[in-house]
Amino acid sequence: MDWQKVTFGEVVDALKTVSWSAPRPLSEFFRAFGPPRGLTGRLKNNLYYYRTNYLVILFLSFIICFLRNPAALASLGLVALGLSCCNDPFATGLNDTLLHALRKVAPRMVARARAKAGSDGVVGLHKRRRVYIVLLPRSLLVAALLCGGLGAVYASHAVLTLSWAVLLGVGLPLLHAVFRLPNLKAKIASAREEFRAVWRGYQAELYDYSHSL
């Protein structure tokens, strides 16, 4: 297969359908490096062949960076929770989950919260159901989560931690993909996939021809 002619869009489509097998062994992963010749073709080939290894590196980078700064992970989680609560199904689902958990502890509060959740409010000329999360209006909770989360992001240097995680998780696989020489197994696997694609196309042509008769 000539990887120079394969577009990155086709590589992404192939990664969506191919099975994600176990990572390639380290003895194979850290071997046979060379100067970046035929850069785009080598990059596409290695991204496809070492896809699981690169995904593991990405996960490990995030785990290591946020283990060193767990407050950054918590602050980003607060911001993500606040943004998620802007979605009506998520907010109502979160409200139902919390009320179910509090049902035995504070049954009266749960009853009041369910009554409030069923009330309607007038927004403009339209009647619209207000969204509450355990007696609190959704807008108030979202504002509190976003303000607290953004303040925690600034205090914990979460953006810097996230930048390092992305830089390591994406940069290291790109460096490996650029300098790792395509090995014989990758070439055989590429040829096998090319043969299967041609065979599937041949079978489709035969199927269309038989039905046209």
N, C-alpha and C. Protein backbone atom coordinates (compact mmCIF):
# COMPACT_ATOMS: atom_id res chain seq x y z
N MET A 1 0.85 -1.20 0.00
CA MET A 1 0.00 0.00 0.00
C MET A 1 0.88 1.25 0.00
N ASP A 2 0.58 2.19 -0.88
CA ASP A 2 1.32 3.45 -0.94
C ASP A 2 0.67 4.43 0.04
N TRP A 3 1.29 4.58 1.21
CA TRP A 3 0.71 5.43 2.25
C TRP A 3 0.77 6.90 1.89
N GLN A 4 1.61 7.26 0.90
CA GLN A 4 1.65 8.65 0.48
C GLN A 4 0.32 9.07 -0.15
N LYS A 5 -0.36 8.12 -0.79
CA LYS A 5 -1.61 8.43 -1.47
C LYS A 5 -2.82 8.34 -0.55
N VAL A 6 -2.63 7.77 0.63
CA VAL A 6 -3.72 7.66 1.60
C VAL A 6 -3.87 8.99 2.33
N THR A 7 -5.07 9.51 2.39
CA THR A 7 -5.32 10.77 3.10
C THR A 7 -5.48 10.52 4.59
N PHE A 8 -5.29 11.58 5.37
CA PHE A 8 -5.47 11.44 6.82
C PHE A 8 -6.93 11.14 7.16
N GLY A 9 -7.86 11.62 6.34
CA GLY A 9 -9.26 11.30 6.56
C GLY A 9 -9.53 9.81 6.41
N GLU A 10 -8.87 9.19 5.44
CA GLU A 10 -9.03 7.75 5.25
C GLU A 10 -8.40 6.97 6.40
N VAL A 11 -7.29 7.48 6.94
CA VAL A 11 -6.68 6.84 8.10
C VAL A 11 -7.62 6.90 9.30
N VAL A 12 -8.24 8.07 9.51
CA VAL A 12 -9.19 8.22 10.63
C VAL A 12 -10.38 7.29 10.44
N ASP A 13 -10.90 7.18 9.22
CA ASP A 13 -12.01 6.27 8.97
C ASP A 13 -11.62 4.82 9.23
N ALA A 14 -10.39 4.46 8.85
CA ALA A 14 -9.91 3.09 9.09
C ALA A 14 -9.77 2.82 10.58
N LEU A 15 -9.31 3.81 11.35
CA LEU A 15 -9.15 3.63 12.79
C LEU A 15 -10.50 3.48 13.49
N LYS A 16 -11.56 4.00 12.87
CA LYS A 16 -12.89 3.86 13.46
C LYS A 16 -13.43 2.44 13.31
N THR A 17 -13.00 1.74 12.27
CA THR A 17 -13.56 0.42 11.98
C THR A 17 -12.64 -0.73 12.36
N VAL A 18 -11.33 -0.47 12.46
CA VAL A 18 -10.39 -1.56 12.71
C VAL A 18 -10.46 -1.97 14.18
N SER A 19 -10.13 -3.23 14.46
CA SER A 19 -10.10 -3.71 15.84
C SER A 19 -8.85 -3.20 16.54
N TRP A 20 -9.02 -2.76 17.79
CA TRP A 20 -7.90 -2.22 18.56
C TRP A 20 -7.31 -3.36 19.39
N SER A 21 -6.30 -3.99 18.84
CA SER A 21 -5.69 -5.15 19.46
C SER A 21 -4.74 -4.71 20.58
N ALA A 22 -4.07 -5.68 21.19
CA ALA A 22 -3.12 -5.39 22.27
C ALA A 22 -1.95 -4.57 21.73
N PRO A 23 -1.31 -3.77 22.58
CA PRO A 23 -0.16 -2.98 22.12
C PRO A 23 0.96 -3.85 21.57
N ARG A 24 1.69 -3.30 20.61
CA ARG A 24 2.85 -4.01 20.07
C ARG A 24 3.92 -4.13 21.16
N PRO A 25 4.70 -5.20 21.17
CA PRO A 25 5.72 -5.38 22.22
C PRO A 25 6.76 -4.26 22.19
N LEU A 26 7.31 -3.95 23.37
CA LEU A 26 8.28 -2.86 23.48
C LEU A 26 9.54 -3.13 22.67
N SER A 27 9.93 -4.40 22.56
CA SER A 27 11.12 -4.74 21.78
C SER A 27 10.95 -4.36 20.31
N GLU A 28 9.71 -4.36 19.85
CA GLU A 28 9.43 -3.94 18.48
C GLU A 28 9.17 -2.45 18.40
N PHE A 29 8.53 -1.89 19.45
CA PHE A 29 8.15 -0.49 19.45
C PHE A 29 9.37 0.43 19.47
N PHE A 30 10.42 0.05 20.25
CA PHE A 30 11.62 0.88 20.36
C PHE A 30 12.76 0.27 19.53
N ARG A 31 12.56 0.18 18.23
CA ARG A 31 13.58 -0.42 17.37
C ARG A 31 13.48 0.19 15.99
N ALA A 32 14.64 0.24 15.30
CA ALA A 32 14.72 0.64 13.89
C ALA A 32 14.20 2.06 13.66
N PHE A 33 14.96 3.04 14.19
CA PHE A 33 14.64 4.44 13.95
C PHE A 33 15.55 4.98 12.86
N GLY A 34 15.08 5.99 12.16
CA GLY A 34 15.86 6.57 11.09
C GLY A 34 15.40 7.97 10.78
N PRO A 35 16.13 8.68 9.92
CA PRO A 35 15.74 10.06 9.56
C PRO A 35 14.37 10.07 8.90
N PRO A 36 13.61 11.16 9.10
CA PRO A 36 12.24 11.22 8.57
C PRO A 36 12.18 11.42 7.07
N ARG A 37 12.22 10.34 6.33
CA ARG A 37 12.05 10.37 4.87
C ARG A 37 10.66 9.84 4.53
N GLY A 38 10.06 10.43 3.51
CA GLY A 38 8.68 10.06 3.21
C GLY A 38 7.81 10.30 4.42
N LEU A 39 7.88 11.53 4.94
CA LEU A 39 7.34 11.82 6.26
C LEU A 39 5.85 11.51 6.39
N THR A 40 5.03 11.98 5.46
CA THR A 40 3.59 11.80 5.62
C THR A 40 3.20 10.33 5.51
N GLY A 41 3.83 9.60 4.58
CA GLY A 41 3.52 8.19 4.44
C GLY A 41 3.91 7.40 5.67
N ARG A 42 5.10 7.67 6.21
CA ARG A 42 5.55 6.97 7.41
C ARG A 42 4.66 7.32 8.60
N LEU A 43 4.25 8.58 8.70
CA LEU A 43 3.40 9.00 9.81
C LEU A 43 2.06 8.28 9.78
N LYS A 44 1.45 8.19 8.61
CA LYS A 44 0.16 7.50 8.49
C LYS A 44 0.30 6.01 8.78
N ASN A 45 1.36 5.41 8.26
CA ASN A 45 1.59 3.98 8.46
C ASN A 45 1.76 3.67 9.95
N ASN A 46 2.60 4.43 10.64
CA ASN A 46 2.86 4.15 12.05
C ASN A 46 1.65 4.48 12.93
N LEU A 47 0.91 5.53 12.58
CA LEU A 47 -0.30 5.84 13.34
C LEU A 47 -1.30 4.70 13.25
N TYR A 48 -1.36 4.08 12.09
CA TYR A 48 -2.30 2.97 11.92
C TYR A 48 -1.79 1.70 12.61
N TYR A 49 -0.51 1.44 12.47
CA TYR A 49 0.04 0.17 12.97
C TYR A 49 0.24 0.18 14.48
N TYR A 50 0.70 1.31 15.04
CA TYR A 50 0.97 1.40 16.48
C TYR A 50 -0.13 2.16 17.21
N ARG A 51 -1.35 2.09 16.72
CA ARG A 51 -2.45 2.89 17.27
C ARG A 51 -2.67 2.61 18.76
N THR A 52 -2.63 1.35 19.16
CA THR A 52 -2.89 1.01 20.56
C THR A 52 -1.76 1.51 21.46
N ASN A 53 -0.51 1.41 20.99
CA ASN A 53 0.61 1.92 21.78
C ASN A 53 0.48 3.42 22.01
N TYR A 54 0.09 4.14 20.97
CA TYR A 54 -0.04 5.59 21.10
C TYR A 54 -1.19 5.96 22.02
N LEU A 55 -2.26 5.19 21.99
CA LEU A 55 -3.38 5.46 22.89
C LEU A 55 -2.97 5.22 24.35
N VAL A 56 -2.17 4.19 24.59
CA VAL A 56 -1.67 3.91 25.94
C VAL A 56 -0.79 5.06 26.43
N ILE A 57 0.08 5.58 25.54
CA ILE A 57 0.94 6.71 25.91
C ILE A 57 0.10 7.92 26.27
N LEU A 58 -0.97 8.17 25.51
CA LEU A 58 -1.86 9.30 25.78
C LEU A 58 -2.50 9.16 27.17
N PHE A 59 -3.03 7.98 27.47
CA PHE A 59 -3.64 7.75 28.78
C PHE A 59 -2.63 7.89 29.91
N LEU A 60 -1.45 7.32 29.74
CA LEU A 60 -0.42 7.40 30.78
C LEU A 60 0.02 8.84 31.02
N SER A 61 0.09 9.63 29.96
CA SER A 61 0.48 11.03 30.11
C SER A 61 -0.52 11.79 30.96
N PHE A 62 -1.81 11.56 30.70
CA PHE A 62 -2.83 12.24 31.50
C PHE A 62 -2.82 11.75 32.94
N ILE A 63 -2.64 10.44 33.12
CA ILE A 63 -2.63 9.89 34.48
C ILE A 63 -1.46 10.44 35.28
N ILE A 64 -0.27 10.44 34.69
CA ILE A 64 0.93 10.90 35.40
C ILE A 64 0.82 12.39 35.74
N CYS A 65 0.39 13.19 34.76
CA CYS A 65 0.32 14.64 34.99
C CYS A 65 -0.71 14.99 36.06
N PHE A 66 -1.86 14.33 36.04
CA PHE A 66 -2.89 14.68 37.01
C PHE A 66 -2.67 14.01 38.36
N LEU A 67 -1.90 12.93 38.40
CA LEU A 67 -1.52 12.38 39.70
C LEU A 67 -0.56 13.32 40.42
N ARG A 68 0.25 14.03 39.65
CA ARG A 68 1.14 15.02 40.25
C ARG A 68 0.39 16.26 40.71
N ASN A 69 -0.79 16.50 40.14
CA ASN A 69 -1.59 17.67 40.50
C ASN A 69 -3.07 17.29 40.53
N PRO A 70 -3.50 16.53 41.54
CA PRO A 70 -4.91 16.08 41.56
C PRO A 70 -5.91 17.22 41.69
N ALA A 71 -5.48 18.35 42.28
CA ALA A 71 -6.39 19.49 42.40
C ALA A 71 -6.77 20.01 41.02
N ALA A 72 -5.88 19.89 40.05
CA ALA A 72 -6.19 20.34 38.69
C ALA A 72 -7.29 19.49 38.08
N LEU A 73 -7.24 18.19 38.34
CA LEU A 73 -8.29 17.30 37.82
C LEU A 73 -9.63 17.63 38.45
N ALA A 74 -9.63 17.90 39.76
CA ALA A 74 -10.89 18.23 40.44
C ALA A 74 -11.46 19.55 39.92
N SER A 75 -10.61 20.53 39.68
CA SER A 75 -11.10 21.82 39.19
C SER A 75 -11.66 21.70 37.78
N LEU A 76 -10.99 20.94 36.92
CA LEU A 76 -11.53 20.73 35.58
C LEU A 76 -12.82 19.93 35.62
N GLY A 77 -12.92 19.01 36.59
CA GLY A 77 -14.17 18.27 36.75
C GLY A 77 -15.32 19.17 37.15
N LEU A 78 -15.05 20.16 38.00
CA LEU A 78 -16.10 21.11 38.39
C LEU A 78 -16.58 21.92 37.19
N VAL A 79 -15.64 22.38 36.38
CA VAL A 79 -16.02 23.14 35.18
C VAL A 79 -16.82 22.27 34.22
N ALA A 80 -16.38 21.03 34.02
CA ALA A 80 -17.10 20.12 33.12
C ALA A 80 -18.49 19.82 33.65
N LEU A 81 -18.63 19.67 34.97
CA LEU A 81 -19.94 19.41 35.56
C LEU A 81 -20.87 20.61 35.38
N GLY A 82 -20.33 21.82 35.57
CA GLY A 82 -21.13 23.01 35.38
C GLY A 82 -21.61 23.16 33.95
N LEU A 83 -20.74 22.90 32.99
CA LEU A 83 -21.14 22.98 31.58
C LEU A 83 -22.14 21.89 31.23
N SER A 84 -21.97 20.70 31.81
CA SER A 84 -22.89 19.60 31.52
C SER A 84 -24.29 19.89 32.06
N CYS A 85 -24.36 20.62 33.17
CA CYS A 85 -25.67 20.94 33.75
C CYS A 85 -26.46 21.90 32.88
N CYS A 86 -25.82 22.54 31.93
CA CYS A 86 -26.56 23.40 30.99
C CYS A 86 -27.45 22.58 30.07
N ASN A 87 -27.17 21.30 29.96
CA ASN A 87 -27.98 20.41 29.14
C ASN A 87 -29.16 19.91 29.97
N ASP A 88 -30.38 20.08 29.45
CA ASP A 88 -31.58 19.73 30.21
C ASP A 88 -31.64 18.25 30.60
N PRO A 89 -31.44 17.30 29.66
CA PRO A 89 -31.49 15.89 30.07
C PRO A 89 -30.47 15.53 31.14
N PHE A 90 -29.25 16.10 31.02
CA PHE A 90 -28.22 15.80 32.04
C PHE A 90 -28.63 16.37 33.38
N ALA A 91 -29.15 17.61 33.39
CA ALA A 91 -29.54 18.25 34.65
C ALA A 91 -30.68 17.49 35.33
N THR A 92 -31.70 17.11 34.56
CA THR A 92 -32.81 16.36 35.15
C THR A 92 -32.35 14.97 35.63
N GLY A 93 -31.46 14.34 34.87
CA GLY A 93 -30.93 13.04 35.29
C GLY A 93 -30.11 13.16 36.57
N LEU A 94 -29.29 14.22 36.67
CA LEU A 94 -28.51 14.44 37.89
C LEU A 94 -29.43 14.70 39.07
N ASN A 95 -30.49 15.49 38.84
CA ASN A 95 -31.45 15.78 39.91
C ASN A 95 -32.13 14.49 40.39
N ASP A 96 -32.55 13.65 39.46
CA ASP A 96 -33.20 12.39 39.84
C ASP A 96 -32.25 11.48 40.62
N THR A 97 -31.00 11.43 40.18
CA THR A 97 -30.01 10.59 40.87
C THR A 97 -29.77 11.07 42.30
N LEU A 98 -29.61 12.38 42.47
CA LEU A 98 -29.37 12.92 43.80
C LEU A 98 -30.58 12.74 44.72
N LEU A 99 -31.77 12.95 44.15
CA LEU A 99 -32.98 12.78 44.97
C LEU A 99 -33.17 11.32 45.38
N HIS A 100 -32.83 10.42 44.48
CA HIS A 100 -32.94 8.99 44.81
C HIS A 100 -31.96 8.63 45.93
N ALA A 101 -30.76 9.24 45.91
CA ALA A 101 -29.78 8.95 46.94
C ALA A 101 -30.19 9.56 48.29
N LEU A 102 -30.90 10.70 48.25
CA LEU A 102 -31.30 11.39 49.48
C LEU A 102 -32.68 10.96 49.98
N ARG A 103 -33.32 10.05 49.30
CA ARG A 103 -34.70 9.71 49.63
C ARG A 103 -34.85 9.17 51.05
N LYS A 104 -33.93 8.35 51.51
CA LYS A 104 -34.03 7.77 52.85
C LYS A 104 -33.50 8.70 53.93
N VAL A 105 -32.61 9.61 53.54
CA VAL A 105 -31.99 10.51 54.52
C VAL A 105 -32.90 11.70 54.82
N ALA A 106 -33.44 12.32 53.77
CA ALA A 106 -34.28 13.51 53.96
C ALA A 106 -35.51 13.40 53.07
N PRO A 107 -36.51 12.60 53.47
CA PRO A 107 -37.67 12.39 52.60
C PRO A 107 -38.50 13.66 52.37
N ARG A 108 -38.60 14.53 53.39
CA ARG A 108 -39.38 15.76 53.22
C ARG A 108 -38.74 16.69 52.20
N MET A 109 -37.43 16.81 52.29
CA MET A 109 -36.72 17.65 51.32
C MET A 109 -36.86 17.10 49.91
N VAL A 110 -36.82 15.79 49.77
CA VAL A 110 -36.98 15.16 48.46
C VAL A 110 -38.37 15.43 47.91
N ALA A 111 -39.40 15.36 48.80
CA ALA A 111 -40.76 15.64 48.35
C ALA A 111 -40.90 17.08 47.88
N ARG A 112 -40.30 18.02 48.63
CA ARG A 112 -40.34 19.43 48.21
C ARG A 112 -39.60 19.62 46.89
N ALA A 113 -38.47 18.95 46.75
CA ALA A 113 -37.68 19.09 45.52
C ALA A 113 -38.45 18.55 44.32
N ARG A 114 -39.15 17.42 44.50
CA ARG A 114 -39.93 16.86 43.39
C ARG A 114 -41.10 17.77 43.03
N ALA A 115 -41.70 18.41 44.04
CA ALA A 115 -42.79 19.34 43.76
C ALA A 115 -42.27 20.56 43.00
N LYS A 116 -41.10 21.05 43.38
CA LYS A 116 -40.52 22.19 42.68
C LYS A 116 -40.14 21.82 41.25
N ALA A 117 -39.60 20.60 41.08
CA ALA A 117 -39.19 20.17 39.74
C ALA A 117 -40.38 20.08 38.81
N GLY A 118 -41.58 19.86 39.34
CA GLY A 118 -42.77 19.75 38.50
C GLY A 118 -43.46 21.07 38.25
N SER A 119 -42.98 22.16 38.89
CA SER A 119 -43.62 23.46 38.69
C SER A 119 -43.22 24.07 37.37
N ASP A 120 -44.09 24.93 36.84
CA ASP A 120 -43.84 25.59 35.56
C ASP A 120 -43.57 27.07 35.81
N GLY A 121 -42.77 27.64 34.96
CA GLY A 121 -42.51 29.07 35.03
C GLY A 121 -42.77 29.73 33.69
N VAL A 122 -43.09 31.01 33.70
CA VAL A 122 -43.37 31.73 32.46
C VAL A 122 -42.09 32.40 31.99
N VAL A 123 -41.65 32.04 30.79
CA VAL A 123 -40.47 32.63 30.19
C VAL A 123 -40.93 33.34 28.92
N GLY A 124 -40.97 34.67 28.96
CA GLY A 124 -41.50 35.41 27.82
C GLY A 124 -43.00 35.16 27.71
N LEU A 125 -43.45 34.76 26.53
CA LEU A 125 -44.86 34.45 26.31
C LEU A 125 -45.13 32.96 26.42
N HIS A 126 -44.11 32.17 26.73
CA HIS A 126 -44.24 30.72 26.73
C HIS A 126 -44.12 30.19 28.15
N LYS A 127 -44.83 29.12 28.40
CA LYS A 127 -44.74 28.44 29.68
C LYS A 127 -43.66 27.37 29.58
N ARG A 128 -42.73 27.41 30.47
CA ARG A 128 -41.61 26.49 30.40
C ARG A 128 -41.32 25.93 31.79
N ARG A 129 -41.05 24.66 31.85
CA ARG A 129 -40.76 24.01 33.13
C ARG A 129 -39.39 24.43 33.63
N ARG A 130 -39.37 24.92 34.86
CA ARG A 130 -38.08 25.27 35.46
C ARG A 130 -37.31 24.00 35.79
N VAL A 131 -35.98 24.10 35.69
CA VAL A 131 -35.11 22.97 36.01
C VAL A 131 -34.44 23.24 37.34
N TYR A 132 -34.67 22.35 38.30
CA TYR A 132 -34.05 22.45 39.62
C TYR A 132 -33.15 21.24 39.83
N ILE A 133 -32.12 21.47 40.64
CA ILE A 133 -31.25 20.37 41.07
C ILE A 133 -31.20 20.42 42.59
N VAL A 134 -31.99 19.56 43.23
CA VAL A 134 -32.12 19.50 44.69
C VAL A 134 -32.43 20.90 45.25
N LEU A 135 -33.59 21.42 44.91
CA LEU A 135 -34.12 22.69 45.42
C LEU A 135 -33.41 23.92 44.88
N LEU A 136 -32.27 23.76 44.22
CA LEU A 136 -31.55 24.91 43.68
C LEU A 136 -31.90 25.10 42.21
N PRO A 137 -32.18 26.33 41.78
CA PRO A 137 -32.37 26.57 40.34
C PRO A 137 -31.12 26.18 39.57
N ARG A 138 -31.35 25.61 38.41
CA ARG A 138 -30.20 25.13 37.63
C ARG A 138 -29.22 26.27 37.31
N SER A 139 -29.71 27.45 36.97
CA SER A 139 -28.84 28.57 36.63
C SER A 139 -27.93 28.96 37.79
N LEU A 140 -28.48 28.93 39.00
CA LEU A 140 -27.67 29.28 40.17
C LEU A 140 -26.58 28.24 40.40
N LEU A 141 -26.92 26.97 40.27
CA LEU A 141 -25.93 25.91 40.48
C LEU A 141 -24.84 25.95 39.40
N VAL A 142 -25.24 26.20 38.15
CA VAL A 142 -24.26 26.29 37.07
C VAL A 142 -23.30 27.45 37.32
N ALA A 143 -23.84 28.61 37.73
CA ALA A 143 -22.98 29.76 38.00
C ALA A 143 -22.00 29.46 39.14
N ALA A 144 -22.50 28.80 40.19
CA ALA A 144 -21.63 28.47 41.32
C ALA A 144 -20.53 27.49 40.91
N LEU A 145 -20.91 26.46 40.14
CA LEU A 145 -19.92 25.47 39.71
C LEU A 145 -18.87 26.09 38.80
N LEU A 146 -19.30 26.94 37.88
CA LEU A 146 -18.35 27.54 36.94
C LEU A 146 -17.43 28.52 37.66
N CYS A 147 -18.00 29.34 38.54
CA CYS A 147 -17.15 30.29 39.27
C CYS A 147 -16.15 29.55 40.16
N GLY A 148 -16.64 28.56 40.90
CA GLY A 148 -15.74 27.79 41.75
C GLY A 148 -14.72 27.00 40.95
N GLY A 149 -15.17 26.40 39.85
CA GLY A 149 -14.26 25.61 39.02
C GLY A 149 -13.19 26.45 38.36
N LEU A 150 -13.58 27.62 37.82
CA LEU A 150 -12.60 28.48 37.16
C LEU A 150 -11.62 29.06 38.17
N GLY A 151 -12.12 29.39 39.38
CA GLY A 151 -11.20 29.84 40.42
C GLY A 151 -10.21 28.75 40.82
N ALA A 152 -10.70 27.52 40.91
CA ALA A 152 -9.81 26.40 41.24
C ALA A 152 -8.84 26.09 40.11
N VAL A 153 -9.30 26.27 38.86
CA VAL A 153 -8.40 26.08 37.71
C VAL A 153 -7.23 27.05 37.77
N TYR A 154 -7.54 28.31 38.10
CA TYR A 154 -6.48 29.32 38.20
C TYR A 154 -5.54 29.00 39.36
N ALA A 155 -6.12 28.62 40.51
CA ALA A 155 -5.29 28.38 41.69
C ALA A 155 -4.43 27.12 41.56
N SER A 156 -4.95 26.10 40.89
CA SER A 156 -4.23 24.82 40.79
C SER A 156 -3.36 24.71 39.55
N HIS A 157 -3.34 25.77 38.72
CA HIS A 157 -2.56 25.73 37.47
C HIS A 157 -2.99 24.54 36.60
N ALA A 158 -4.31 24.35 36.53
CA ALA A 158 -4.84 23.20 35.79
C ALA A 158 -4.57 23.31 34.29
N VAL A 159 -4.57 24.54 33.76
CA VAL A 159 -4.33 24.71 32.33
C VAL A 159 -2.91 24.26 31.98
N LEU A 160 -1.96 24.61 32.86
CA LEU A 160 -0.57 24.19 32.63
C LEU A 160 -0.45 22.66 32.70
N THR A 161 -1.12 22.06 33.68
CA THR A 161 -1.09 20.59 33.80
C THR A 161 -1.72 19.93 32.59
N LEU A 162 -2.86 20.47 32.14
CA LEU A 162 -3.52 19.92 30.96
C LEU A 162 -2.66 20.08 29.72
N SER A 163 -1.97 21.21 29.61
CA SER A 163 -1.10 21.44 28.45
C SER A 163 0.05 20.44 28.41
N TRP A 164 0.63 20.16 29.59
CA TRP A 164 1.70 19.17 29.65
C TRP A 164 1.19 17.78 29.29
N ALA A 165 -0.01 17.45 29.76
CA ALA A 165 -0.57 16.13 29.45
C ALA A 165 -0.80 15.98 27.95
N VAL A 166 -1.36 17.01 27.32
CA VAL A 166 -1.59 16.96 25.87
C VAL A 166 -0.27 16.94 25.11
N LEU A 167 0.69 17.77 25.55
CA LEU A 167 1.99 17.83 24.88
C LEU A 167 2.70 16.49 24.91
N LEU A 168 2.71 15.84 26.07
CA LEU A 168 3.37 14.54 26.17
C LEU A 168 2.56 13.45 25.47
N GLY A 169 1.23 13.46 25.66
CA GLY A 169 0.40 12.40 25.10
C GLY A 169 0.30 12.43 23.59
N VAL A 170 0.45 13.61 23.00
CA VAL A 170 0.38 13.74 21.54
C VAL A 170 1.77 13.87 20.94
N GLY A 171 2.66 14.61 21.63
CA GLY A 171 3.99 14.85 21.07
C GLY A 171 4.86 13.60 20.99
N LEU A 172 4.85 12.79 22.06
CA LEU A 172 5.69 11.58 22.05
C LEU A 172 5.27 10.60 20.95
N PRO A 173 3.96 10.29 20.78
CA PRO A 173 3.58 9.43 19.66
C PRO A 173 3.93 10.02 18.30
N LEU A 174 3.80 11.34 18.14
CA LEU A 174 4.16 11.95 16.85
C LEU A 174 5.65 11.81 16.57
N LEU A 175 6.47 12.03 17.58
CA LEU A 175 7.91 11.85 17.39
C LEU A 175 8.24 10.40 17.02
N HIS A 176 7.62 9.46 17.71
CA HIS A 176 7.87 8.06 17.39
C HIS A 176 7.40 7.73 15.98
N ALA A 177 6.22 8.25 15.59
CA ALA A 177 5.68 7.94 14.26
C ALA A 177 6.53 8.54 13.16
N VAL A 178 7.18 9.65 13.44
CA VAL A 178 8.01 10.31 12.42
C VAL A 178 9.33 9.57 12.22
N PHE A 179 9.95 9.10 13.31
CA PHE A 179 11.29 8.52 13.22
C PHE A 179 11.30 6.99 13.19
N ARG A 180 10.19 6.34 13.50
CA ARG A 180 10.16 4.86 13.48
C ARG A 180 10.03 4.37 12.05
N LEU A 181 10.98 3.53 11.65
CA LEU A 181 10.94 2.96 10.30
C LEU A 181 9.83 1.92 10.21
N PRO A 182 9.02 1.94 9.16
CA PRO A 182 7.99 0.90 9.01
C PRO A 182 8.65 -0.47 8.90
N ASN A 183 8.23 -1.41 9.73
CA ASN A 183 8.86 -2.73 9.72
C ASN A 183 8.14 -3.67 8.76
N LEU A 184 8.66 -4.86 8.66
CA LEU A 184 8.12 -5.84 7.72
C LEU A 184 6.70 -6.24 8.09
N LYS A 185 6.43 -6.36 9.42
CA LYS A 185 5.07 -6.73 9.83
C LYS A 185 4.06 -5.69 9.40
N ALA A 186 4.44 -4.41 9.53
CA ALA A 186 3.53 -3.35 9.12
C ALA A 186 3.27 -3.40 7.62
N LYS A 187 4.30 -3.69 6.85
CA LYS A 187 4.11 -3.77 5.40
C LYS A 187 3.22 -4.95 5.02
N ILE A 188 3.43 -6.09 5.70
CA ILE A 188 2.58 -7.25 5.42
C ILE A 188 1.14 -6.97 5.82
N ALA A 189 0.95 -6.34 6.99
CA ALA A 189 -0.40 -6.01 7.43
C ALA A 189 -1.07 -5.04 6.46
N SER A 190 -0.30 -4.07 5.95
CA SER A 190 -0.85 -3.11 5.00
C SER A 190 -1.25 -3.81 3.71
N ALA A 191 -0.38 -4.71 3.25
CA ALA A 191 -0.70 -5.45 2.02
C ALA A 191 -1.94 -6.32 2.22
N ARG A 192 -2.07 -6.92 3.42
CA ARG A 192 -3.24 -7.75 3.70
C ARG A 192 -4.52 -6.92 3.70
N GLU A 193 -4.46 -5.73 4.32
CA GLU A 193 -5.63 -4.87 4.34
C GLU A 193 -5.98 -4.38 2.94
N GLU A 194 -4.94 -4.11 2.12
CA GLU A 194 -5.20 -3.67 0.75
C GLU A 194 -5.86 -4.79 -0.05
N PHE A 195 -5.38 -6.03 0.14
CA PHE A 195 -5.98 -7.17 -0.55
C PHE A 195 -7.43 -7.35 -0.14
N ARG A 196 -7.71 -7.22 1.16
CA ARG A 196 -9.09 -7.36 1.63
C ARG A 196 -9.99 -6.28 1.05
N ALA A 197 -9.47 -5.06 0.97
CA ALA A 197 -10.28 -3.97 0.41
C ALA A 197 -10.59 -4.23 -1.06
N VAL A 198 -9.56 -4.70 -1.81
CA VAL A 198 -9.78 -5.01 -3.23
C VAL A 198 -10.75 -6.17 -3.38
N TRP A 199 -10.62 -7.18 -2.52
CA TRP A 199 -11.50 -8.34 -2.60
C TRP A 199 -12.94 -7.97 -2.26
N ARG A 200 -13.13 -7.09 -1.26
CA ARG A 200 -14.48 -6.63 -0.94
C ARG A 200 -15.09 -5.87 -2.11
N GLY A 201 -14.26 -5.03 -2.77
CA GLY A 201 -14.76 -4.31 -3.93
C GLY A 201 -15.11 -5.24 -5.07
N TYR A 202 -14.29 -6.29 -5.25
CA TYR A 202 -14.56 -7.27 -6.31
C TYR A 202 -15.86 -8.02 -6.03
N GLN A 203 -16.07 -8.41 -4.77
CA GLN A 203 -17.32 -9.09 -4.41
C GLN A 203 -18.53 -8.18 -4.59
N ALA A 204 -18.38 -6.90 -4.27
CA ALA A 204 -19.49 -5.97 -4.44
C ALA A 204 -19.84 -5.81 -5.91
N GLU A 205 -18.82 -5.78 -6.78
CA GLU A 205 -19.08 -5.67 -8.22
C GLU A 205 -19.80 -6.92 -8.73
N LEU A 206 -19.37 -8.11 -8.25
CA LEU A 206 -20.05 -9.34 -8.66
C LEU A 206 -21.50 -9.35 -8.18
N TYR A 207 -21.74 -8.86 -6.98
CA TYR A 207 -23.11 -8.82 -6.44
C TYR A 207 -23.99 -7.88 -7.27
N ASP A 208 -23.45 -6.70 -7.59
CA ASP A 208 -24.23 -5.76 -8.39
C ASP A 208 -24.50 -6.31 -9.79
N TYR A 209 -23.47 -7.01 -10.35
CA TYR A 209 -23.65 -7.56 -11.70
C TYR A 209 -24.69 -8.66 -11.72
N SER A 210 -24.68 -9.55 -10.70
CA SER A 210 -25.65 -10.65 -10.65
C SER A 210 -27.07 -10.12 -10.48
N HIS A 211 -27.24 -9.04 -9.74
CA HIS A 211 -28.57 -8.50 -9.53
C HIS A 211 -29.06 -7.72 -10.77
N SER A 212 -28.09 -7.16 -11.51
CA SER A 212 -28.50 -6.45 -12.73
C SER A 212 -28.99 -7.42 -13.79
N LEU A 213 -28.52 -8.69 -13.75
CA LEU A 213 -29.00 -9.70 -14.69
C LEU A 213 -30.41 -10.16 -14.33
